[in-house]
Amino acid sequence: MRTAIVIGGGVAGPVTALALHRAGITATVHEAYPSISDGAGGTLALAPNGVAALRAVDADQAVTAIATPIVRTVMAVGRKRIELPGLPGVPPLQVVHRNELHRALHDRARAEGVVIEHGKRLVDVRETAGGITARFADGSTATADVLIGADGIRSTVRTLIDSDAAGPRFTGLLGFEAVARHEVEAEPGTMTFAYGRNAYYLYWPEPGGGTRWGANLPQERPMSLTEARAVPPADWMRTLRAAYGDDDPGGELLRTSREDELLTVGSLHIMPPVRHWHRGRMVLVGDAAHAPSNSSGQGASLAIESAVQLARCLRDLPDLPSAFAAYEQLRRGRVEGIAARAAKINHTKAPGPVARALMPVLMPLLLRIAMNPEKTLGPEQRYVIDWDAVVTAGR
């Protein structure tokens, strides 16, 4: 195995190419968008395990240099606030703007000689005994030994592997983000998860001043990003102010945020378990195979981990079937377990009438889980990949 086509230039794609490069495999990244900034914006969190996986490809410092460390977290239910204990000896969560993360990873990959081509939307593949050829919408083609689908939650590669593959499921939440001029009473590096009267939101002091907030607004039906952004920001602001106007500090955050700076992130989705991660010379990585809800705080980190683990398996095992089988065995249980935990949290973020009645019971349960971080978060955040360890078949 000497060459690879990587489809998708978000988070998983460049990291996969970097890891393959370190494993002695030449990889070219093919991204559908014309440029880095054409993707979805907003911020995302990298958990300590995600940063550790970046360290395996020497990309951790490039990312932490542009991130905001979150050194403490607080859960707020109405006026009650509880500081959640962290994990001793574990580095802080890192919050980073998605486009800046993409740019940092692209720059790091190019510095290692990885070729990244934009405007390459995959439409079909052709497999032979000696390789696989990708065909793109612009009429161009590319051939390699393996094709890796790092093309996100609406993966084309996933449907090429399995035409009956399930697609993403709507979580019942619509995401928004902005920076308020209001300064909250919280120390720098503090992220607050707030359960308001009608909906969930979170916020943290922005290093440059003001307070960055994100809202998960309950929504009956999913909306495409294009559809959601076609709604005038002023209309969304009225909806958000109606939902959060009575919350503290939610109401003030909304009142001091500019309508023209509101970022509509769009409907939030989760991937159900994907039946087939690979077929022939094709394999999935990142959100194309596993996309937990944003409640997990692990989506990008799991994608980075899988990129590194896939490269290790392709490096160490003698053929694609054994490499793909070992990769799936290493990853499926971990990612599906984290997704299941996040799905439970989602029920408290978008409560229906029955769940609202049960909130006095649900919230203490959620707090008990949060107050035992070693049990609930330790296995997730202390996870470190040993790049130098040799992967064997069946492992």
Protein backbone atom coordinates (compact mmCIF):
# COMPACT_ATOMS: atom_id res chain seq x y z
CA MET A 1 0.00 0.00 0.00
CA ARG A 2 1.80 3.08 -1.25
CA THR A 3 -0.83 5.67 -2.29
CA ALA A 4 -4.15 6.96 -1.02
CA ILE A 5 -6.92 9.30 -2.14
CA VAL A 6 -8.47 11.17 0.78
CA ILE A 7 -11.93 12.63 0.09
CA GLY A 8 -12.67 15.63 2.30
CA GLY A 9 -10.54 18.48 3.60
CA GLY A 10 -12.24 19.27 6.90
CA VAL A 11 -10.68 17.92 10.09
CA ALA A 12 -10.26 14.20 9.42
CA GLY A 13 -8.94 14.58 5.87
CA PRO A 14 -5.71 16.55 6.48
CA VAL A 15 -4.97 14.57 9.66
CA THR A 16 -5.42 11.29 7.77
CA ALA A 17 -3.04 12.49 5.07
CA LEU A 18 -0.49 13.61 7.69
CA ALA A 19 -0.68 10.26 9.49
CA LEU A 20 -0.37 8.33 6.21
CA HIS A 21 2.63 10.46 5.26
CA ARG A 22 4.27 9.55 8.57
CA ALA A 23 3.45 5.89 7.83
CA GLY A 24 5.24 6.10 4.47
CA ILE A 25 2.08 6.30 2.33
CA THR A 26 1.57 9.15 -0.15
CA ALA A 27 -1.88 10.72 0.19
CA THR A 28 -3.60 13.48 -1.77
CA VAL A 29 -6.59 15.31 -0.25
CA HIS A 30 -9.51 16.18 -2.53
CA GLU A 31 -11.90 18.78 -1.12
CA ALA A 32 -15.25 19.70 -2.70
CA TYR A 33 -15.28 23.35 -1.58
CA PRO A 34 -13.33 25.86 -3.69
CA SER A 35 -11.43 27.13 -0.64
CA ILE A 36 -10.98 26.51 3.08
CA SER A 37 -13.30 29.35 4.15
CA ASP A 38 -16.24 27.99 2.14
CA GLY A 39 -17.10 25.44 4.83
CA ALA A 40 -19.35 25.86 7.87
CA GLY A 41 -18.11 28.30 10.50
CA GLY A 42 -18.54 28.41 14.23
CA THR A 43 -16.35 27.02 16.99
CA LEU A 44 -15.68 23.49 18.11
CA ALA A 45 -14.01 21.91 21.10
CA LEU A 46 -11.01 19.63 21.02
CA ALA A 47 -10.85 17.32 24.02
CA PRO A 48 -7.49 16.31 25.54
CA ASN A 49 -7.59 12.97 23.69
CA GLY A 50 -8.01 14.81 20.39
CA VAL A 51 -5.01 17.03 21.10
CA ALA A 52 -3.02 13.92 22.08
CA ALA A 53 -3.89 12.33 18.74
CA LEU A 54 -2.74 15.48 16.94
CA ARG A 55 0.58 15.10 18.75
CA ALA A 56 1.10 11.81 16.90
CA VAL A 57 1.31 13.78 13.63
CA ASP A 58 3.11 16.83 15.11
CA ALA A 59 0.07 19.06 14.65
CA ASP A 60 -0.88 19.69 18.27
CA GLN A 61 1.12 22.89 18.77
CA ALA A 62 -0.16 24.44 15.55
CA VAL A 63 -3.72 23.96 16.81
CA THR A 64 -3.32 24.90 20.49
CA ALA A 65 -1.61 28.13 19.36
CA ILE A 66 -4.91 29.33 17.87
CA ALA A 67 -7.24 27.88 20.50
CA THR A 68 -8.75 29.13 23.75
CA PRO A 69 -8.11 26.78 26.70
CA ILE A 70 -11.09 26.02 28.92
CA VAL A 71 -9.73 25.35 32.39
CA ARG A 72 -13.03 25.08 34.29
CA THR A 73 -16.63 24.23 33.50
CA VAL A 74 -19.81 25.26 35.28
CA MET A 75 -23.31 23.81 34.97
CA ALA A 76 -26.16 26.25 35.50
CA VAL A 77 -29.75 25.15 36.05
CA GLY A 78 -31.86 28.24 36.53
CA ARG A 79 -30.01 30.30 39.12
CA LYS A 80 -28.13 27.32 40.54
CA ARG A 81 -24.50 27.06 39.43
CA ILE A 82 -22.18 24.18 40.15
CA GLU A 83 -18.50 24.08 39.17
CA LEU A 84 -17.73 20.65 37.78
CA PRO A 85 -14.53 18.93 38.90
CA GLY A 86 -11.96 18.25 36.22
CA LEU A 87 -9.70 15.29 35.62
CA PRO A 88 -6.38 15.57 37.50
CA GLY A 89 -3.38 15.69 35.21
CA VAL A 90 -5.44 16.11 32.03
CA PRO A 91 -4.81 19.17 29.81
CA PRO A 92 -7.69 21.61 29.28
CA LEU A 93 -10.32 21.53 26.59
CA GLN A 94 -9.33 23.66 23.59
CA VAL A 95 -11.97 25.77 21.81
CA VAL A 96 -11.08 26.78 18.27
CA HIS A 97 -12.80 28.40 15.31
CA ARG A 98 -13.55 25.72 12.73
CA ASN A 99 -12.15 27.62 9.76
CA GLU A 100 -8.98 28.48 11.65
CA LEU A 101 -8.59 24.81 12.59
CA HIS A 102 -9.03 23.78 8.96
CA ARG A 103 -6.41 26.32 7.88
CA ALA A 104 -3.92 25.21 10.53
CA LEU A 105 -4.31 21.55 9.55
CA HIS A 106 -4.04 22.36 5.84
CA ASP A 107 -0.90 24.40 6.44
CA ARG A 108 0.61 21.62 8.52
CA ALA A 109 -0.20 19.00 5.87
CA ARG A 110 1.22 21.10 3.04
CA ALA A 111 4.37 21.72 5.08
CA GLU A 112 4.87 17.93 5.03
CA GLY A 113 4.40 17.80 1.27
CA VAL A 114 0.76 16.70 1.21
CA VAL A 115 -1.09 17.88 -1.90
CA ILE A 116 -4.56 19.35 -1.24
CA GLU A 117 -6.78 19.98 -4.24
CA HIS A 118 -9.94 22.11 -3.96
CA GLY A 119 -13.06 22.08 -6.10
CA LYS A 120 -12.97 18.27 -6.34
CA ARG A 121 -16.44 16.88 -5.63
CA LEU A 122 -16.49 13.08 -5.81
CA VAL A 123 -19.22 11.57 -7.98
CA ASP A 124 -18.13 7.96 -8.56
CA VAL A 125 -15.34 5.38 -8.24
CA ARG A 126 -14.06 2.46 -10.28
CA GLU A 127 -12.19 -0.39 -8.63
CA THR A 128 -9.80 -2.82 -10.28
CA ALA A 129 -7.53 -5.54 -8.95
CA GLY A 130 -4.67 -3.07 -8.91
CA GLY A 131 -6.24 0.13 -7.58
CA ILE A 132 -9.19 2.50 -7.36
CA THR A 133 -10.00 5.52 -9.50
CA ALA A 134 -12.07 8.47 -8.24
CA ARG A 135 -14.08 10.54 -10.69
CA PHE A 136 -14.90 14.14 -9.81
CA ALA A 137 -17.68 16.48 -10.91
CA ASP A 138 -15.24 18.60 -12.96
CA GLY A 139 -14.41 15.57 -15.10
CA SER A 140 -10.99 14.91 -13.59
CA THR A 141 -9.89 11.60 -12.08
CA ALA A 142 -7.35 10.32 -9.55
CA THR A 143 -6.03 6.77 -9.00
CA ALA A 144 -4.44 5.20 -5.92
CA ASP A 145 -4.26 1.98 -3.92
CA VAL A 146 -7.00 3.01 -1.47
CA LEU A 147 -9.74 5.66 -1.20
CA ILE A 148 -10.57 7.09 2.22
CA GLY A 149 -13.87 8.84 2.83
CA ALA A 150 -13.30 11.75 5.21
CA ASP A 151 -16.22 13.60 3.63
CA GLY A 152 -18.36 14.24 6.65
CA ILE A 153 -21.81 13.43 7.86
CA ARG A 154 -23.33 13.50 4.35
CA SER A 155 -20.59 11.30 2.95
CA THR A 156 -20.63 10.33 -0.71
CA VAL A 157 -18.11 7.58 -0.01
CA ARG A 158 -20.46 6.04 2.57
CA THR A 159 -23.18 5.64 -0.06
CA LEU A 160 -20.66 4.19 -2.53
CA ILE A 161 -19.69 1.60 0.07
CA ASP A 162 -23.33 0.86 0.91
CA SER A 163 -26.11 2.33 -1.22
CA ASP A 164 -28.59 1.57 1.57
CA ALA A 165 -26.52 3.25 4.30
CA ALA A 166 -28.53 5.29 6.78
CA GLY A 167 -28.03 9.02 6.73
CA PRO A 168 -27.69 11.46 9.64
CA ARG A 169 -30.54 11.89 12.11
CA PHE A 170 -31.80 15.25 13.30
CA THR A 171 -31.30 15.86 17.02
CA GLY A 172 -34.21 18.29 17.28
CA LEU A 173 -31.84 21.22 17.76
CA LEU A 174 -30.81 24.20 15.66
CA GLY A 175 -27.45 25.83 16.40
CA PHE A 176 -26.50 29.51 16.60
CA GLU A 177 -23.43 31.40 17.76
CA ALA A 178 -22.35 35.00 18.33
CA VAL A 179 -20.24 37.26 20.55
CA ALA A 180 -22.15 39.50 22.97
CA ARG A 181 -20.84 42.86 24.17
CA HIS A 182 -21.94 41.85 27.67
CA GLU A 183 -19.19 40.73 30.06
CA VAL A 184 -20.33 37.79 32.20
CA GLU A 185 -19.18 37.34 35.78
CA ALA A 186 -16.87 34.42 35.06
CA GLU A 187 -13.11 34.03 35.14
CA PRO A 188 -11.32 33.69 31.79
CA GLY A 189 -11.24 30.08 30.64
CA THR A 190 -14.63 29.25 32.20
CA MET A 191 -17.29 27.59 30.07
CA THR A 192 -20.84 27.54 31.43
CA PHE A 193 -23.44 25.00 30.27
CA ALA A 194 -26.79 26.64 30.98
CA TYR A 195 -30.22 25.06 31.03
CA GLY A 196 -32.60 27.98 30.58
CA ARG A 197 -36.36 28.05 30.99
CA ASN A 198 -37.02 27.06 27.38
CA ALA A 199 -33.74 25.89 25.87
CA TYR A 200 -30.08 25.09 26.41
CA TYR A 201 -27.15 27.43 25.77
CA LEU A 202 -23.49 27.78 26.70
CA TYR A 203 -21.08 30.69 26.98
CA TRP A 204 -17.53 31.68 27.89
CA PRO A 205 -15.53 34.93 28.11
CA GLU A 206 -13.97 35.74 24.76
CA PRO A 207 -10.22 36.52 25.08
CA GLY A 208 -10.64 39.64 22.94
CA GLY A 209 -13.52 40.96 25.04
CA GLY A 210 -17.21 40.18 25.29
CA THR A 211 -18.83 36.78 25.74
CA ARG A 212 -19.09 34.10 23.09
CA TRP A 213 -22.29 32.10 23.32
CA GLY A 214 -23.85 29.19 21.49
CA ALA A 215 -27.52 28.24 21.54
CA ASN A 216 -29.18 24.90 20.87
CA LEU A 217 -32.73 25.92 20.02
CA PRO A 218 -35.38 23.17 19.89
CA GLN A 219 -36.75 22.87 16.35
CA GLU A 220 -39.53 20.63 15.05
CA ARG A 221 -38.02 19.89 11.65
CA PRO A 222 -34.48 19.93 10.27
CA MET A 223 -33.35 22.77 8.02
CA SER A 224 -30.49 22.70 5.56
CA LEU A 225 -27.76 25.24 6.21
CA THR A 226 -28.80 27.13 3.08
CA GLU A 227 -32.42 27.17 4.24
CA ALA A 228 -31.54 28.30 7.77
CA ARG A 229 -29.25 31.07 6.54
CA ALA A 230 -31.91 32.30 4.13
CA VAL A 231 -33.93 33.42 7.17
CA PRO A 232 -32.99 37.05 7.99
CA PRO A 233 -30.76 37.24 11.10
CA ALA A 234 -33.22 39.73 12.61
CA ASP A 235 -35.95 37.07 12.48
CA TRP A 236 -33.73 34.49 14.17
CA MET A 237 -32.76 37.03 16.82
CA ARG A 238 -36.41 37.64 17.65
CA THR A 239 -36.92 33.89 18.05
CA LEU A 240 -33.82 33.54 20.21
CA ARG A 241 -34.71 36.52 22.40
CA ALA A 242 -38.18 35.06 22.95
CA ALA A 243 -36.62 31.74 24.02
CA TYR A 244 -33.83 33.10 26.22
CA GLY A 245 -35.03 36.60 27.15
CA ASP A 246 -35.98 35.64 30.71
CA ASP A 247 -32.73 33.78 31.42
CA ASP A 248 -29.73 35.16 33.31
CA PRO A 249 -27.41 35.91 31.59
CA GLY A 250 -29.04 34.53 28.43
CA GLY A 251 -31.34 37.51 28.00
CA GLU A 252 -28.50 40.02 28.32
CA LEU A 253 -26.29 38.04 25.96
CA LEU A 254 -28.99 38.19 23.28
CA ARG A 255 -29.75 41.87 23.88
CA THR A 256 -26.10 42.86 23.48
CA SER A 257 -25.38 40.74 20.37
CA ARG A 258 -25.50 42.30 16.92
CA GLU A 259 -27.94 40.75 14.47
CA ASP A 260 -25.50 41.04 11.57
CA GLU A 261 -22.92 39.00 13.53
CA LEU A 262 -25.23 36.09 14.32
CA LEU A 263 -23.87 32.86 12.88
CA THR A 264 -26.47 30.27 12.00
CA VAL A 265 -24.74 26.91 12.41
CA GLY A 266 -27.80 25.00 11.17
CA SER A 267 -29.58 21.83 12.23
CA LEU A 268 -27.55 19.56 14.49
CA HIS A 269 -27.33 15.90 13.51
CA ILE A 270 -26.04 12.60 14.82
CA MET A 271 -25.03 9.53 12.83
CA PRO A 272 -26.68 6.26 13.76
CA PRO A 273 -24.27 3.29 13.81
CA VAL A 274 -22.94 2.77 10.28
CA ARG A 275 -23.23 -0.86 9.18
CA HIS A 276 -20.31 -0.94 6.76
CA TRP A 277 -17.18 1.12 7.38
CA HIS A 278 -15.34 -0.34 4.40
CA ARG A 279 -15.72 -2.29 1.18
CA GLY A 280 -13.05 -3.32 -1.29
CA ARG A 281 -10.53 -0.47 -1.49
CA MET A 282 -12.76 2.10 0.24
CA VAL A 283 -12.93 2.96 3.94
CA LEU A 284 -14.55 5.67 6.08
CA VAL A 285 -12.96 7.91 8.69
CA GLY A 286 -14.29 10.66 10.96
CA ASP A 287 -17.87 11.91 10.74
CA ALA A 288 -18.51 9.80 7.64
CA ALA A 289 -18.34 6.74 9.91
CA HIS A 290 -19.20 8.15 13.34
CA ALA A 291 -20.65 11.55 14.21
CA PRO A 292 -21.81 11.85 17.81
CA SER A 293 -23.97 14.84 18.66
CA ASN A 294 -22.29 18.05 19.73
CA SER A 295 -23.29 17.15 23.29
CA SER A 296 -20.36 14.72 23.39
CA GLY A 297 -17.71 17.40 22.95
CA GLN A 298 -15.84 14.66 21.11
CA GLY A 299 -16.81 14.84 17.42
CA ALA A 300 -13.60 16.39 16.08
CA SER A 301 -11.41 14.53 18.58
CA LEU A 302 -12.82 11.13 17.59
CA ALA A 303 -12.31 12.00 13.92
CA ILE A 304 -8.65 12.81 14.60
CA GLU A 305 -8.18 9.60 16.59
CA SER A 306 -9.67 7.50 13.80
CA ALA A 307 -7.43 9.16 11.21
CA VAL A 308 -4.35 8.21 13.20
CA GLN A 309 -5.54 4.67 13.94
CA LEU A 310 -6.40 4.01 10.29
CA ALA A 311 -2.90 5.07 9.24
CA ARG A 312 -1.35 2.73 11.83
CA CYS A 313 -3.40 -0.20 10.55
CA LEU A 314 -2.51 0.49 6.91
CA ARG A 315 1.15 0.81 7.95
CA ASP A 316 1.38 -2.44 9.90
CA LEU A 317 -0.95 -4.97 8.29
CA PRO A 318 -0.17 -6.78 5.03
CA ASP A 319 -3.40 -6.23 3.09
CA LEU A 320 -6.47 -4.00 3.01
CA PRO A 321 -9.01 -6.50 4.41
CA SER A 322 -6.94 -7.15 7.54
CA ALA A 323 -6.06 -3.46 7.94
CA PHE A 324 -9.68 -2.33 7.64
CA ALA A 325 -10.91 -5.06 10.00
CA ALA A 326 -8.35 -4.12 12.66
CA TYR A 327 -9.18 -0.43 12.26
CA GLU A 328 -12.90 -1.03 12.77
CA GLN A 329 -12.23 -3.25 15.77
CA LEU A 330 -10.08 -0.54 17.33
CA ARG A 331 -12.67 2.17 16.80
CA ARG A 332 -16.29 1.02 16.64
CA GLY A 333 -16.87 0.23 20.31
CA ARG A 334 -15.26 3.45 21.51
CA VAL A 335 -17.06 5.83 19.15
CA GLU A 336 -20.47 4.20 19.55
CA GLY A 337 -20.17 4.25 23.34
CA ILE A 338 -19.41 7.97 23.34
CA ALA A 339 -22.27 8.62 20.91
CA ALA A 340 -24.68 6.78 23.21
CA ARG A 341 -23.65 8.94 26.18
CA ALA A 342 -24.16 12.11 24.18
CA ALA A 343 -27.58 10.99 22.95
CA LYS A 344 -28.79 10.80 26.56
CA ILE A 345 -27.69 14.38 27.17
CA ASN A 346 -29.55 15.51 24.05
CA HIS A 347 -32.84 14.51 25.66
CA THR A 348 -32.30 17.19 28.31
CA LYS A 349 -31.37 19.82 25.70
CA ALA A 350 -34.52 19.45 23.59
CA PRO A 351 -37.16 18.30 26.08
CA GLY A 352 -40.69 17.56 24.99
CA PRO A 353 -43.71 17.99 27.29
CA VAL A 354 -43.08 14.75 29.19
CA ALA A 355 -39.34 15.37 29.55
CA ARG A 356 -40.02 18.91 30.80
CA ALA A 357 -42.15 17.44 33.55
CA LEU A 358 -39.31 15.07 34.42
CA MET A 359 -36.59 17.75 34.46
CA PRO A 360 -36.48 17.83 38.30
CA VAL A 361 -35.51 14.15 38.09
CA LEU A 362 -33.33 14.34 34.97
CA MET A 363 -31.16 17.21 36.11
CA PRO A 364 -29.98 15.66 39.41
CA LEU A 365 -29.15 12.51 37.43
CA LEU A 366 -27.18 14.56 34.92
CA LEU A 367 -25.37 16.32 37.74
CA ARG A 368 -24.45 13.01 39.41
CA ILE A 369 -22.92 11.86 36.14
CA ALA A 370 -21.04 15.13 35.74
CA MET A 371 -19.79 15.08 39.34
CA ASN A 372 -17.98 11.77 38.78
CA PRO A 373 -15.71 12.78 35.89
CA GLU A 374 -13.18 9.98 36.34
CA LYS A 375 -15.85 7.39 35.68
CA THR A 376 -17.73 9.24 32.95
CA LEU A 377 -15.00 11.23 31.19
CA GLY A 378 -11.76 9.53 32.24
CA PRO A 379 -11.90 6.72 29.64
CA GLU A 380 -12.68 9.28 26.95
CA GLN A 381 -10.20 12.04 27.72
CA ARG A 382 -7.25 10.00 28.99
CA TYR A 383 -7.15 7.96 25.78
CA VAL A 384 -3.73 8.23 24.08
CA ILE A 385 -2.72 6.41 20.89
CA ASP A 386 0.71 4.78 20.93
CA TRP A 387 1.89 5.56 17.40
CA ASP A 388 4.98 3.37 17.70
CA ALA A 389 3.12 0.25 18.87
CA VAL A 390 2.64 -2.31 16.10
CA VAL A 391 -0.95 -3.17 15.15
CA THR A 392 -1.59 -6.89 14.75
CA ALA A 393 -4.44 -8.69 13.01
CA GLY A 394 -7.45 -9.10 15.25
CA ARG A 395 -6.45 -6.08 17.36
